[in-house]
Amino acid sequence: MDISRVQDMFKHYNLDNIAGALTPENNDKSQQTIPKTDKIEKLECVTCSSRRYMDESNDPGVSFKTPTKLTPQQASTAVISHEREHYTRENAKSELENKQVLSNTIQIFTSICPECHQPYVSGGETTTRTRQQQDKNHFAAQDYIQRVGVHFGIQIDEKI
């Protein structure tokens, strides 16, 4: 087997140490072995290397307003931190607007790269549900407490 043909078959790998094992002198298939090496390196996935992360919300005070390149290992931490920024800002905004926070939800989405089939964090979403707090000095609330609270528990209806 010709060395250049083997190298063409494995052109995506660095085969510096393997080429010496496949010389015409070692043509006997029973003695032909490929040495173990740690120099075989896979090329980087084009899809993963070109992936960019960008915030699509209308919140101007959070990160990722410009497209940012992250490795799949960095993406999980960065996306979680980014969503926590939304969480913190929404809670502060609710407090300023005299609203009560009913629930906060942070979702992290994952996908699988179509080229290299590795999982990666593809994005996140923060949802905050609030409601307007009731004013304790509201006239209707005070009137209700005065009318019902005075008579509550005084009369009992019984049938035997």
Foldseek 3Di string as FASTA:
>chain_A
DDLVVVCVVPVQWDCPQQSVQPDPVNVPPVPRDGDDDPRTDGDDDPVQQPDWDADPDPDPPFPRPDTHRDHLVVQVVVQVVRLVVVVVVVVVVCVVVQKAWPDKDKAWDWDADPPPRHIGTDHMDMDIDIGHDDDPPDPVVVVCCVVQVVCPPPDDDDDD
